C-alpha atoms as a PDB file:
ATOM      1  CA  UNK A   1     245.101 135.546  76.351  1.00  0.00           C
ATOM      2  CA  UNK A   2     244.429 133.927  79.717  1.00  0.00           C
ATOM      3  CA  UNK A   3     241.607 131.854  78.217  1.00  0.00           C
ATOM      4  CA  UNK A   4     243.907 130.625  75.426  1.00  0.00           C
ATOM      5  CA  UNK A   5     246.538 129.609  78.009  1.00  0.00           C
ATOM      6  CA  UNK A   6     243.925 127.643  79.970  1.00  0.00           C
ATOM      7  CA  UNK A   7     242.766 125.923  76.789  1.00  0.00           C
ATOM      8  CA  UNK A   8     246.324 124.948  75.813  1.00  0.00           C
ATOM      9  CA  UNK A   9     247.028 123.592  79.300  1.00  0.00           C
ATOM     10  CA  UNK A  10     243.806 121.573  79.182  1.00  0.00           C
ATOM     11  CA  UNK A  11     244.711 120.058  75.805  1.00  0.00           C
ATOM     12  CA  UNK A  12     248.252 119.336  76.987  1.00  0.00           C
ATOM     13  CA  UNK A  13     247.073 117.708  80.228  1.00  0.00           C
ATOM     14  CA  UNK A  14     244.571 115.600  78.299  1.00  0.00           C
ATOM     15  CA  UNK A  15     247.319 114.456  75.963  1.00  0.00           C
ATOM     16  CA  UNK A  16     249.602 113.551  78.856  1.00  0.00           C
ATOM     17  CA  UNK A  17     246.766 111.653  80.590  1.00  0.00           C
ATOM     18  CA  UNK A  18     245.939 109.761  77.416  1.00  0.00           C
ATOM     19  CA  UNK A  19     249.601 108.905  76.959  1.00  0.00           C
ATOM     20  CA  UNK A  20     249.946 107.755  80.559  1.00  0.00           C
ATOM     21  CA  UNK A  21     246.695 105.774  80.622  1.00  0.00           C
ATOM     22  CA  UNK A  22     247.728 102.146  80.827  1.00  0.00           C
ATOM     23  CA  UNK A  23     245.926  99.061  79.585  1.00  0.00           C
ATOM     24  CA  UNK A  24     246.501  95.432  80.474  1.00  0.00           C
ATOM     25  CA  UNK A  25     246.626  93.201  77.405  1.00  0.00           C
ATOM     26  CA  UNK A  26     247.064  89.445  77.036  1.00  0.00           C
ATOM     27  CA  UNK A  27     248.199  87.591  73.917  1.00  0.00           C
ATOM     28  CA  UNK A  28     248.934  83.850  73.649  1.00  0.00           C
ATOM     29  CA  UNK A  29     252.498  84.442  72.518  1.00  0.00           C
ATOM     30  CA  UNK A  30     253.617  87.285  74.790  1.00  0.00           C
ATOM     31  CA  UNK A  31     251.364  86.786  77.836  1.00  0.00           C
ATOM     32  CA  UNK A  32     250.265  89.777  79.941  1.00  0.00           C
ATOM     33  CA  UNK A  33     251.785  93.181  79.327  1.00  0.00           C
ATOM     34  CA  UNK A  34     250.955  96.810  80.045  1.00  0.00           C
ATOM     35  CA  UNK A  35     250.328  99.051  77.074  1.00  0.00           C
ATOM     36  CA  UNK A  36     249.711 102.761  76.758  1.00  0.00           C
ATOM     37  CA  UNK A  37     251.610 104.255  79.669  1.00  0.00           C
ATOM     38  CA  UNK A  38     253.029 103.871  83.119  1.00  0.00           C
ATOM     39  CA  UNK A  39     249.959 104.303  85.329  1.00  0.00           C
ATOM     40  CA  UNK A  40     249.759 100.649  86.307  1.00  0.00           C
ATOM     41  CA  UNK A  41     249.342 101.180  90.058  1.00  0.00           C
ATOM     42  CA  UNK A  42     252.615  99.358  90.816  1.00  0.00           C
ATOM     43  CA  UNK A  43     256.169 100.235  90.090  1.00  0.00           C
ATOM     44  CA  UNK A  44     259.533  98.680  89.446  1.00  0.00           C
ATOM     45  CA  UNK A  45     259.994  95.190  90.785  1.00  0.00           C
ATOM     46  CA  UNK A  46     256.318  94.838  91.716  1.00  0.00           C
ATOM     47  CA  UNK A  47     255.308  95.120  88.070  1.00  0.00           C
ATOM     48  CA  UNK A  48     257.552  92.211  87.212  1.00  0.00           C
ATOM     49  CA  UNK A  49     256.251  90.086  90.114  1.00  0.00           C
ATOM     50  CA  UNK A  50     252.611  90.813  89.300  1.00  0.00           C
ATOM     51  CA  UNK A  51     253.147  90.104  85.604  1.00  0.00           C
ATOM     52  CA  UNK A  52     254.895  86.805  86.347  1.00  0.00           C
ATOM     53  CA  UNK A  53     252.091  85.650  88.638  1.00  0.00           C
ATOM     54  CA  UNK A  54     249.445  86.659  86.112  1.00  0.00           C
ATOM     55  CA  UNK A  55     251.267  84.779  83.344  1.00  0.00           C
ATOM     56  CA  UNK A  56     251.648  81.661  85.499  1.00  0.00           C
ATOM     57  CA  UNK A  57     247.975  81.853  86.451  1.00  0.00           C
ATOM     58  CA  UNK A  58     246.864  82.212  82.844  1.00  0.00           C
ATOM     59  CA  UNK A  59     249.106  79.343  81.756  1.00  0.00           C
ATOM     60  CA  UNK A  60     247.636  77.117  84.490  1.00  0.00           C
ATOM     61  CA  UNK A  61     244.145  78.147  83.480  1.00  0.00           C
ATOM     62  CA  UNK A  62     244.845  77.310  79.821  1.00  0.00           C
ATOM     63  CA  UNK A  63     246.096  73.803  80.610  1.00  0.00           C
ATOM     64  CA  UNK A  64     243.176  73.077  82.979  1.00  0.00           C
ATOM     65  CA  UNK A  65     244.901  73.688  86.307  1.00  0.00           C
ATOM     66  CA  UNK A  66     242.004  75.639  87.769  1.00  0.00           C
ATOM     67  CA  UNK A  67     243.126  75.307  91.403  1.00  0.00           C
ATOM     68  CA  UNK A  68     246.591  76.675  90.685  1.00  0.00           C
ATOM     69  CA  UNK A  69     245.172  79.473  88.557  1.00  0.00           C
ATOM     70  CA  UNK A  70     242.791  80.493  91.337  1.00  0.00           C
ATOM     71  CA  UNK A  71     245.532  80.626  93.959  1.00  0.00           C
ATOM     72  CA  UNK A  72     247.724  82.826  91.784  1.00  0.00           C
ATOM     73  CA  UNK A  73     244.908  85.162  90.724  1.00  0.00           C
ATOM     74  CA  UNK A  74     243.839  85.550  94.387  1.00  0.00           C
ATOM     75  CA  UNK A  75     247.409  86.398  95.388  1.00  0.00           C
ATOM     76  CA  UNK A  76     247.622  89.098  92.707  1.00  0.00           C
ATOM     77  CA  UNK A  77     244.303  90.720  93.684  1.00  0.00           C
ATOM     78  CA  UNK A  78     245.349  90.807  97.359  1.00  0.00           C
ATOM     79  CA  UNK A  79     248.973  91.934  96.945  1.00  0.00           C
ATOM     80  CA  UNK A  80     248.352  94.560  94.276  1.00  0.00           C
ATOM     81  CA  UNK A  81     244.804  95.903  94.925  1.00  0.00           C
ATOM     82  CA  UNK A  82     245.529  99.342  93.419  1.00  0.00           C
ATOM     83  CA  UNK A  83     247.043  98.051  90.209  1.00  0.00           C
ATOM     84  CA  UNK A  84     245.712  97.282  86.743  1.00  0.00           C
ATOM     85  CA  UNK A  85     246.253  93.624  87.557  1.00  0.00           C
ATOM     86  CA  UNK A  86     243.732  93.499  90.425  1.00  0.00           C
ATOM     87  CA  UNK A  87     240.419  93.836  88.515  1.00  0.00           C
ATOM     88  CA  UNK A  88     241.700  91.493  85.818  1.00  0.00           C
ATOM     89  CA  UNK A  89     242.723  88.929  88.445  1.00  0.00           C
ATOM     90  CA  UNK A  90     239.265  89.111  90.071  1.00  0.00           C
ATOM     91  CA  UNK A  91     237.625  88.838  86.648  1.00  0.00           C
ATOM     92  CA  UNK A  92     239.675  85.722  85.824  1.00  0.00           C
ATOM     93  CA  UNK A  93     238.822  84.238  89.258  1.00  0.00           C
ATOM     94  CA  UNK A  94     235.156  84.675  88.486  1.00  0.00           C
ATOM     95  CA  UNK A  95     235.441  82.827  85.188  1.00  0.00           C
ATOM     96  CA  UNK A  96     237.543  79.982  86.593  1.00  0.00           C
ATOM     97  CA  UNK A  97     235.042  79.463  89.404  1.00  0.00           C
ATOM     98  CA  UNK A  98     232.179  79.607  86.950  1.00  0.00           C
ATOM     99  CA  UNK A  99     233.761  76.768  84.957  1.00  0.00           C
ATOM    100  CA  UNK A 100     233.894  74.774  88.205  1.00  0.00           C
ATOM    101  CA  UNK A 101     230.204  75.624  88.810  1.00  0.00           C
ATOM    102  CA  UNK A 102     231.122  77.489  91.965  1.00  0.00           C
ATOM    103  CA  UNK A 103     228.316  79.942  91.258  1.00  0.00           C
ATOM    104  CA  UNK A 104     228.376  81.650  94.655  1.00  0.00           C
ATOM    105  CA  UNK A 105     232.088  82.419  94.731  1.00  0.00           C
ATOM    106  CA  UNK A 106     232.065  83.272  91.048  1.00  0.00           C
ATOM    107  CA  UNK A 107     229.364  85.883  91.574  1.00  0.00           C
ATOM    108  CA  UNK A 108     231.268  87.257  94.578  1.00  0.00           C
ATOM    109  CA  UNK A 109     234.414  87.680  92.475  1.00  0.00           C
ATOM    110  CA  UNK A 110     232.507  89.540  89.794  1.00  0.00           C
ATOM    111  CA  UNK A 111     230.774  91.647  92.448  1.00  0.00           C
ATOM    112  CA  UNK A 112     234.182  92.641  93.819  1.00  0.00           C
ATOM    113  CA  UNK A 113     235.052  93.905  90.344  1.00  0.00           C
ATOM    114  CA  UNK A 114     231.815  95.918  90.171  1.00  0.00           C
ATOM    115  CA  UNK A 115     232.196  97.387  93.665  1.00  0.00           C
ATOM    116  CA  UNK A 116     235.927  98.104  93.764  1.00  0.00           C
ATOM    117  CA  UNK A 117     236.646  98.858  90.097  1.00  0.00           C
ATOM    118  CA  UNK A 118     233.508 100.453  88.552  1.00  0.00           C
ATOM    119  CA  UNK A 119     235.586 101.847  85.678  1.00  0.00           C
ATOM    120  CA  UNK A 120     236.803  98.417  84.630  1.00  0.00           C
ATOM    121  CA  UNK A 121     236.662  98.145  80.852  1.00  0.00           C
ATOM    122  CA  UNK A 122     234.672  94.887  80.901  1.00  0.00           C
ATOM    123  CA  UNK A 123     231.901  96.307  83.113  1.00  0.00           C
ATOM    124  CA  UNK A 124     229.076  95.317  80.735  1.00  0.00           C
ATOM    125  CA  UNK A 125     230.504  91.852  80.243  1.00  0.00           C
ATOM    126  CA  UNK A 126     230.738  91.331  84.012  1.00  0.00           C
ATOM    127  CA  UNK A 127     227.142  92.524  84.429  1.00  0.00           C
ATOM    128  CA  UNK A 128     225.913  90.093  81.769  1.00  0.00           C
ATOM    129  CA  UNK A 129     227.792  87.219  83.415  1.00  0.00           C
ATOM    130  CA  UNK A 130     226.300  88.061  86.812  1.00  0.00           C
ATOM    131  CA  UNK A 131     222.833  88.069  85.279  1.00  0.00           C
ATOM    132  CA  UNK A 132     223.541  84.687  83.691  1.00  0.00           C
ATOM    133  CA  UNK A 133     224.628  83.200  87.038  1.00  0.00           C
ATOM    134  CA  UNK A 134     221.460  84.449  88.732  1.00  0.00           C
ATOM    135  CA  UNK A 135     219.353  83.066  85.877  1.00  0.00           C
ATOM    136  CA  UNK A 136     221.023  79.639  86.113  1.00  0.00           C
ATOM    137  CA  UNK A 137     220.337  79.475  89.854  1.00  0.00           C
ATOM    138  CA  UNK A 138     216.747  80.597  89.303  1.00  0.00           C
ATOM    139  CA  UNK A 139     216.280  77.724  86.864  1.00  0.00           C
ATOM    140  CA  UNK A 140     217.553  75.188  89.373  1.00  0.00           C
ATOM    141  CA  UNK A 141     221.328  74.991  88.852  1.00  0.00           C
ATOM    142  CA  UNK A 142     223.252  73.594  91.832  1.00  0.00           C
ATOM    143  CA  UNK A 143     226.269  75.340  93.289  1.00  0.00           C
ATOM    144  CA  UNK A 144     229.345  73.127  93.671  1.00  0.00           C
ATOM    145  CA  UNK A 145     231.494  73.550  96.776  1.00  0.00           C
ATOM    146  CA  UNK A 146     235.232  73.247  96.054  1.00  0.00           C
ATOM    147  CA  UNK A 147     234.270  72.539  92.461  1.00  0.00           C
ATOM    148  CA  UNK A 148     233.112  68.949  93.057  1.00  0.00           C
ATOM    149  CA  UNK A 149     230.484  68.749  95.860  1.00  0.00           C
ATOM    150  CA  UNK A 150     226.964  69.731  94.706  1.00  0.00           C
ATOM    151  CA  UNK A 151     224.746  71.618  97.145  1.00  0.00           C
ATOM    152  CA  UNK A 152     221.000  72.148  97.323  1.00  0.00           C
ATOM    153  CA  UNK A 153     219.238  74.353  94.803  1.00  0.00           C
ATOM    154  CA  UNK A 154     218.862  77.922  96.027  1.00  0.00           C
ATOM    155  CA  UNK A 155     216.377  80.112  94.214  1.00  0.00           C
ATOM    156  CA  UNK A 156     216.541  82.490  97.180  1.00  0.00           C
ATOM    157  CA  UNK A 157     220.195  83.143  96.304  1.00  0.00           C
ATOM    158  CA  UNK A 158     219.128  83.865  92.723  1.00  0.00           C
ATOM    159  CA  UNK A 159     216.775  86.572  94.015  1.00  0.00           C
ATOM    160  CA  UNK A 160     219.631  88.215  95.928  1.00  0.00           C
ATOM    161  CA  UNK A 161     221.847  88.147  92.857  1.00  0.00           C
ATOM    162  CA  UNK A 162     219.174  89.686  90.620  1.00  0.00           C
ATOM    163  CA  UNK A 163     218.788  92.481  93.163  1.00  0.00           C
ATOM    164  CA  UNK A 164     222.555  93.081  92.980  1.00  0.00           C
ATOM    165  CA  UNK A 165     222.420  93.223  89.182  1.00  0.00           C
ATOM    166  CA  UNK A 166     219.660  95.833  89.381  1.00  0.00           C
ATOM    167  CA  UNK A 167     221.641  97.850  91.930  1.00  0.00           C
ATOM    168  CA  UNK A 168     224.926  97.593  90.000  1.00  0.00           C
ATOM    169  CA  UNK A 169     223.498  99.115  86.830  1.00  0.00           C
ATOM    170  CA  UNK A 170     220.069 100.673  87.488  1.00  0.00           C
ATOM    171  CA  UNK A 171     219.975 102.346  84.072  1.00  0.00           C
ATOM    172  CA  UNK A 172     220.907  99.279  82.053  1.00  0.00           C
ATOM    173  CA  UNK A 173     218.581  96.961  80.147  1.00  0.00           C
ATOM    174  CA  UNK A 174     219.355  94.275  82.686  1.00  0.00           C
ATOM    175  CA  UNK A 175     217.736  96.158  85.591  1.00  0.00           C
ATOM    176  CA  UNK A 176     214.058  95.682  84.590  1.00  0.00           C
ATOM    177  CA  UNK A 177     214.814  92.113  83.494  1.00  0.00           C
ATOM    178  CA  UNK A 178     216.341  91.431  86.893  1.00  0.00           C
ATOM    179  CA  UNK A 179     213.308  92.850  88.729  1.00  0.00           C
ATOM    180  CA  UNK A 180     210.947  90.756  86.611  1.00  0.00           C
ATOM    181  CA  UNK A 181     212.938  87.651  87.508  1.00  0.00           C
ATOM    182  CA  UNK A 182     212.862  88.667  91.178  1.00  0.00           C
ATOM    183  CA  UNK A 183     209.074  88.809  90.955  1.00  0.00           C
ATOM    184  CA  UNK A 184     208.807  85.462  89.159  1.00  0.00           C
ATOM    185  CA  UNK A 185     211.116  83.795  91.663  1.00  0.00           C
ATOM    186  CA  UNK A 186     209.094  85.112  94.591  1.00  0.00           C
ATOM    187  CA  UNK A 187     205.890  83.928  92.926  1.00  0.00           C
ATOM    188  CA  UNK A 188     207.384  80.464  92.517  1.00  0.00           C
ATOM    189  CA  UNK A 189     208.277  80.491  96.229  1.00  0.00           C
ATOM    190  CA  UNK A 190     204.791  81.794  97.174  1.00  0.00           C
ATOM    191  CA  UNK A 191     206.291  85.006  98.550  1.00  0.00           C
ATOM    192  CA  UNK A 192     203.454  87.036  97.045  1.00  0.00           C
ATOM    193  CA  UNK A 193     204.002  90.359  98.908  1.00  0.00           C
ATOM    194  CA  UNK A 194     207.660  90.416  97.777  1.00  0.00           C
ATOM    195  CA  UNK A 195     206.628  89.641  94.206  1.00  0.00           C
ATOM    196  CA  UNK A 196     204.214  92.581  94.308  1.00  0.00           C
ATOM    197  CA  UNK A 197     207.001  94.831  95.615  1.00  0.00           C
ATOM    198  CA  UNK A 198     209.342  93.852  92.761  1.00  0.00           C
ATOM    199  CA  UNK A 199     206.644  94.437  90.141  1.00  0.00           C
ATOM    200  CA  UNK A 200     205.787  97.798  91.709  1.00  0.00           C
ATOM    201  CA  UNK A 201     209.429  98.859  91.455  1.00  0.00           C
ATOM    202  CA  UNK A 202     209.585  97.729  87.843  1.00  0.00           C
ATOM    203  CA  UNK A 203     206.482  99.754  86.932  1.00  0.00           C
ATOM    204  CA  UNK A 204     207.520 102.854  88.857  1.00  0.00           C
ATOM    205  CA  UNK A 205     211.182 102.918  87.794  1.00  0.00           C
ATOM    206  CA  UNK A 206     210.982 101.481  84.264  1.00  0.00           C
ATOM    207  CA  UNK A 207     207.600 102.537  82.919  1.00  0.00           C
ATOM    208  CA  UNK A 208     209.063 102.824  79.397  1.00  0.00           C
ATOM    209  CA  UNK A 209     210.554  99.333  79.451  1.00  0.00           C
ATOM    210  CA  UNK A 210     209.308  96.662  77.059  1.00  0.00           C
ATOM    211  CA  UNK A 211     208.519  94.637  80.183  1.00  0.00           C
ATOM    212  CA  UNK A 212     206.079  97.235  81.557  1.00  0.00           C
ATOM    213  CA  UNK A 213     202.957  95.623  79.989  1.00  0.00           C
ATOM    214  CA  UNK A 214     203.898  92.209  81.385  1.00  0.00           C
ATOM    215  CA  UNK A 215     204.560  93.801  84.773  1.00  0.00           C
ATOM    216  CA  UNK A 216     201.136  95.476  84.883  1.00  0.00           C
ATOM    217  CA  UNK A 217     199.342  92.280  83.887  1.00  0.00           C
ATOM    218  CA  UNK A 218     201.382  90.145  86.263  1.00  0.00           C
ATOM    219  CA  UNK A 219     200.771  92.613  89.102  1.00  0.00           C
ATOM    220  CA  UNK A 220     197.015  92.480  88.501  1.00  0.00           C
ATOM    221  CA  UNK A 221     197.046  88.683  88.404  1.00  0.00           C
ATOM    222  CA  UNK A 222     199.190  88.511  91.545  1.00  0.00           C
ATOM    223  CA  UNK A 223     196.727  90.688  93.464  1.00  0.00           C
ATOM    224  CA  UNK A 224     193.908  88.539  92.074  1.00  0.00           C
ATOM    225  CA  UNK A 225     195.613  85.424  93.435  1.00  0.00           C
ATOM    226  CA  UNK A 226     195.211  86.859  96.946  1.00  0.00           C
ATOM    227  CA  UNK A 227     191.439  87.175  96.608  1.00  0.00           C
ATOM    228  CA  UNK A 228     189.741  84.557  98.766  1.00  0.00           C
ATOM    229  CA  UNK A 229     186.152  85.236  97.752  1.00  0.00           C
ATOM    230  CA  UNK A 230     183.323  87.754  98.190  1.00  0.00           C
ATOM    231  CA  UNK A 231     182.940  86.891 101.889  1.00  0.00           C
ATOM    232  CA  UNK A 232     186.396  88.288 102.771  1.00  0.00           C
ATOM    233  CA  UNK A 233     188.174  91.648 102.731  1.00  0.00           C
ATOM    234  CA  UNK A 234     188.192  93.147  99.239  1.00  0.00           C
ATOM    235  CA  UNK A 235     191.418  95.174  99.312  1.00  0.00           C
ATOM    236  CA  UNK A 236     193.204  92.757  96.955  1.00  0.00           C
ATOM    237  CA  UNK A 237     190.133  92.700  94.700  1.00  0.00           C
ATOM    238  CA  UNK A 238     190.205  96.481  94.374  1.00  0.00           C
ATOM    239  CA  UNK A 239     193.952  96.457  93.642  1.00  0.00           C
ATOM    240  CA  UNK A 240     193.522  93.772  90.978  1.00  0.00           C
ATOM    241  CA  UNK A 241     190.698  95.730  89.332  1.00  0.00           C
ATOM    242  CA  UNK A 242     192.844  98.890  89.282  1.00  0.00           C
ATOM    243  CA  UNK A 243     195.821  97.187  87.614  1.00  0.00           C
ATOM    244  CA  UNK A 244     193.677  95.266  85.108  1.00  0.00           C
ATOM    245  CA  UNK A 245     192.008  98.545  84.109  1.00  0.00           C
ATOM    246  CA  UNK A 246     195.363 100.388  83.934  1.00  0.00           C
ATOM    247  CA  UNK A 247     196.783  97.658  81.724  1.00  0.00           C
ATOM    248  CA  UNK A 248     193.839  97.836  79.322  1.00  0.00           C
ATOM    249  CA  UNK A 249     194.024 101.638  79.127  1.00  0.00           C
ATOM    250  CA  UNK A 250     197.809 101.902  78.747  1.00  0.00           C
ATOM    251  CA  UNK A 251     198.332  98.939  76.406  1.00  0.00           C
ATOM    252  CA  UNK A 252     195.158  98.569  74.278  1.00  0.00           C
ATOM    253  CA  UNK A 253     196.992  96.656  71.530  1.00  0.00           C
ATOM    254  CA  UNK A 254     198.790  94.183  73.780  1.00  0.00           C
ATOM    255  CA  UNK A 255     198.211  90.469  73.075  1.00  0.00           C
ATOM    256  CA  UNK A 256     197.272  89.991  76.743  1.00  0.00           C
ATOM    257  CA  UNK A 257     194.184  92.194  76.432  1.00  0.00           C
ATOM    258  CA  UNK A 258     191.707  89.288  76.350  1.00  0.00           C
ATOM    259  CA  UNK A 259     193.391  87.717  79.372  1.00  0.00           C
ATOM    260  CA  UNK A 260     193.158  91.018  81.227  1.00  0.00           C
ATOM    261  CA  UNK A 261     189.481  91.411  80.328  1.00  0.00           C
ATOM    262  CA  UNK A 262     188.734  87.931  81.670  1.00  0.00           C
ATOM    263  CA  UNK A 263     190.555  88.693  84.915  1.00  0.00           C
ATOM    264  CA  UNK A 264     188.787  92.035  85.254  1.00  0.00           C
ATOM    265  CA  UNK A 265     185.370  90.402  84.790  1.00  0.00           C
ATOM    266  CA  UNK A 266     186.171  87.874  87.514  1.00  0.00           C
ATOM    267  CA  UNK A 267     187.312  90.528  89.974  1.00  0.00           C
ATOM    268  CA  UNK A 268     184.341  92.807  89.306  1.00  0.00           C
ATOM    269  CA  UNK A 269     182.022  89.843  89.841  1.00  0.00           C
ATOM    270  CA  UNK A 270     183.647  89.045  93.181  1.00  0.00           C
ATOM    271  CA  UNK A 271     183.463  92.682  94.256  1.00  0.00           C
ATOM    272  CA  UNK A 272     179.791  92.995  93.270  1.00  0.00           C
ATOM    273  CA  UNK A 273     179.007  89.726  95.087  1.00  0.00           C
ATOM    274  CA  UNK A 274     180.633  91.125  98.246  1.00  0.00           C
ATOM    275  CA  UNK A 275     178.189  94.047  98.111  1.00  0.00           C
ATOM    276  CA  UNK A 276     175.280  91.635  97.675  1.00  0.00           C
ATOM    277  CA  UNK A 277     176.356  89.720 100.783  1.00  0.00           C
ATOM    278  CA  UNK A 278     176.465  92.917 102.834  1.00  0.00           C
ATOM    279  CA  UNK A 279     173.090  94.011 101.501  1.00  0.00           C
ATOM    280  CA  UNK A 280     171.462  90.679 102.338  1.00  0.00           C
ATOM    281  CA  UNK A 281     172.959  90.816 105.836  1.00  0.00           C
ATOM    282  CA  UNK A 282     171.495  94.270 106.447  1.00  0.00           C
ATOM    283  CA  UNK A 283     168.139  93.130 105.163  1.00  0.00           C
ATOM    284  CA  UNK A 284     167.937  89.797 106.977  1.00  0.00           C
ATOM    285  CA  UNK A 285     169.358  90.571 110.406  1.00  0.00           C
ATOM    286  CA  UNK A 286     168.661  94.282 110.886  1.00  0.00           C
ATOM    287  CA  UNK A 287     165.683  95.050 108.634  1.00  0.00           C
ATOM    288  CA  UNK A 288     167.842  97.954 107.548  1.00  0.00           C
ATOM    289  CA  UNK A 289     166.199  98.845 104.227  1.00  0.00           C
ATOM    290  CA  UNK A 290     168.266 101.988 103.802  1.00  0.00           C
ATOM    291  CA  UNK A 291     171.618 100.211 104.347  1.00  0.00           C
ATOM    292  CA  UNK A 292     170.599  97.254 102.167  1.00  0.00           C
ATOM    293  CA  UNK A 293     169.532  99.607  99.405  1.00  0.00           C
ATOM    294  CA  UNK A 294     172.983 101.310  99.487  1.00  0.00           C
ATOM    295  CA  UNK A 295     174.845  98.005  99.111  1.00  0.00           C
ATOM    296  CA  UNK A 296     172.573  96.679  96.342  1.00  0.00           C
ATOM    297  CA  UNK A 297     173.101  99.926  94.417  1.00  0.00           C
ATOM    298  CA  UNK A 298     176.872  99.547  94.863  1.00  0.00           C
ATOM    299  CA  UNK A 299     176.648  96.016  93.464  1.00  0.00           C
ATOM    300  CA  UNK A 300     174.955  97.422  90.359  1.00  0.00           C
ATOM    301  CA  UNK A 301     177.519 100.221  90.015  1.00  0.00           C
ATOM    302  CA  UNK A 302     180.429  97.786  90.420  1.00  0.00           C
ATOM    303  CA  UNK A 303     179.382  95.641  87.459  1.00  0.00           C
ATOM    304  CA  UNK A 304     176.279  97.068  85.716  1.00  0.00           C
ATOM    305  CA  UNK A 305     175.972  94.494  82.912  1.00  0.00           C
ATOM    306  CA  UNK A 306     176.390  91.369  85.026  1.00  0.00           C
ATOM    307  CA  UNK A 307     174.061  88.724  86.405  1.00  0.00           C
ATOM    308  CA  UNK A 308     174.906  90.023  89.875  1.00  0.00           C
ATOM    309  CA  UNK A 309     173.548  93.453  88.918  1.00  0.00           C
ATOM    310  CA  UNK A 310     170.287  91.845  87.755  1.00  0.00           C
ATOM    311  CA  UNK A 311     169.904  90.123  91.117  1.00  0.00           C
ATOM    312  CA  UNK A 312     170.619  93.407  92.895  1.00  0.00           C
ATOM    313  CA  UNK A 313     167.865  95.143  90.898  1.00  0.00           C
ATOM    314  CA  UNK A 314     165.491  92.368  91.897  1.00  0.00           C
ATOM    315  CA  UNK A 315     166.358  92.880  95.554  1.00  0.00           C
ATOM    316  CA  UNK A 316     165.776  96.632  95.205  1.00  0.00           C
ATOM    317  CA  UNK A 317     162.322  95.882  93.792  1.00  0.00           C
ATOM    318  CA  UNK A 318     161.674  93.617  96.751  1.00  0.00           C
ATOM    319  CA  UNK A 319     162.689  96.398  99.155  1.00  0.00           C
ATOM    320  CA  UNK A 320     160.428  98.882  97.381  1.00  0.00           C
ATOM    321  CA  UNK A 321     157.479  96.488  97.589  1.00  0.00           C
ATOM    322  CA  UNK A 322     158.082  95.717 101.248  1.00  0.00           C
ATOM    323  CA  UNK A 323     158.445  99.403 102.143  1.00  0.00           C
ATOM    324  CA  UNK A 324     155.199 100.180 100.356  1.00  0.00           C
ATOM    325  CA  UNK A 325     153.469  97.527 102.429  1.00  0.00           C
ATOM    326  CA  UNK A 326     154.855  99.058 105.625  1.00  0.00           C
ATOM    327  CA  UNK A 327     154.060 102.639 104.646  1.00  0.00           C
ATOM    328  CA  UNK A 328     157.712 103.668 104.390  1.00  0.00           C
ATOM    329  CA  UNK A 329     159.566 105.713 101.790  1.00  0.00           C
ATOM    330  CA  UNK A 330     162.878 107.523 101.208  1.00  0.00           C
ATOM    331  CA  UNK A 331     163.092 111.308 101.336  1.00  0.00           C
ATOM    332  CA  UNK A 332     165.168 113.474  98.992  1.00  0.00           C
ATOM    333  CA  UNK A 333     168.296 112.811 101.056  1.00  0.00           C
ATOM    334  CA  UNK A 334     167.812 109.058 100.854  1.00  0.00           C
ATOM    335  CA  UNK A 335     166.723 108.767 104.465  1.00  0.00           C
ATOM    336  CA  UNK A 336     163.965 106.445 105.524  1.00  0.00           C
ATOM    337  CA  UNK A 337     160.675 108.138 106.502  1.00  0.00           C
ATOM    338  CA  UNK A 338     156.981 107.316 106.855  1.00  0.00           C
ATOM    339  CA  UNK A 339     154.663 107.788 103.908  1.00  0.00           C
ATOM    340  CA  UNK A 340     151.693 109.739 105.293  1.00  0.00           C
ATOM    341  CA  UNK A 341     149.523 108.974 102.270  1.00  0.00           C
ATOM    342  CA  UNK A 342     150.114 105.236 102.435  1.00  0.00           C
ATOM    343  CA  UNK A 343     147.233 103.131 103.821  1.00  0.00           C
ATOM    344  CA  UNK A 344     147.647 101.604 107.244  1.00  0.00           C
ATOM    345  CA  UNK A 345     149.134  98.132 106.956  1.00  0.00           C
ATOM    346  CA  UNK A 346     146.578  95.484 107.792  1.00  0.00           C
ATOM    347  CA  UNK A 347     147.392  93.620 110.959  1.00  0.00           C
ATOM    348  CA  UNK A 348     146.658  89.950 111.118  1.00  0.00           C
ATOM    349  CA  UNK A 349     144.416  89.024 114.054  1.00  0.00           C
ATOM    350  CA  UNK A 350     145.883  86.381 116.261  1.00  0.00           C
ATOM    351  CA  UNK A 351     143.663  83.354 116.763  1.00  0.00           C
ATOM    352  CA  UNK A 352     142.899  82.156 120.259  1.00  0.00           C
ATOM    353  CA  UNK A 353     143.888  78.536 120.627  1.00  0.00           C
ATOM    354  CA  UNK A 354     144.015  78.435 116.850  1.00  0.00           C
ATOM    355  CA  UNK A 355     140.209  78.751 116.653  1.00  0.00           C
ATOM    356  CA  UNK A 356     139.039  82.404 116.995  1.00  0.00           C
END
């Protein structure tokens, strides 16, 4: 019996809530009005004042009076922040400013909607508009101060806005798109470490996204762009190799497979060359046959079927020949030792005064 009473009270309370839930509606003939209940956030005379200001603002907006419309919408959002009118007033501010190409203030208005009124019915529409503003700025659109004075292009601002889009709706389809655009913008600005960070976040947080293959390939290519050659540190080379290989394993049917294979071949060549340089250094300056042999073997392992590997095998043959001449060999542990059965190396007799 108690359970039935609870169920009936739940149904009744849901019905009352549904009846009281209010909605703000605008029609050309009647203007703004509240439908569906009394939970408007304002009461009595305030409802009338807010409605009048909203209607005047909308009328000004319709006839092209953007300045007047903005002033009235701002007044509504400030005077009645807990009402149904507030998110709608901020939303209308955003659109009016967008028409005036005031991208910065427009985005801020929409962000106020997202932050203060997350249950606003046009949430997805606001998110899409924010993404569009960020995309316009990324592509070089100029913000207009006061609606008439153009400013400099700001792709840095676009990056900030894309980050906000990703934070506003991390589970939406816009989030991975926003992160990809963050990475591309940073690449265009030569902020390579930040581009790598954005691509890493895309891969780690949205591995099932349709953008994941592009992110893997772009991340590999970005690391490859940091490689300065075989003479320098090879950390970026190793990272590029890892992401090229991951891309080819995870997405074997992707159209970018040939591009990835080409990039992988280049990076493996650079890495093998770096081992050759170290091996030659050990051989030339230290006569360290053991150390040189290790590096030449690593060059072969890094890229077995390459021209670099063939050169490394030739250098190993040279080491073997030279060690045989000197009566040296490697034991089972790979350590250098004397070969007791090898003949004594012949010593060249020095000539006295070049004659005897």
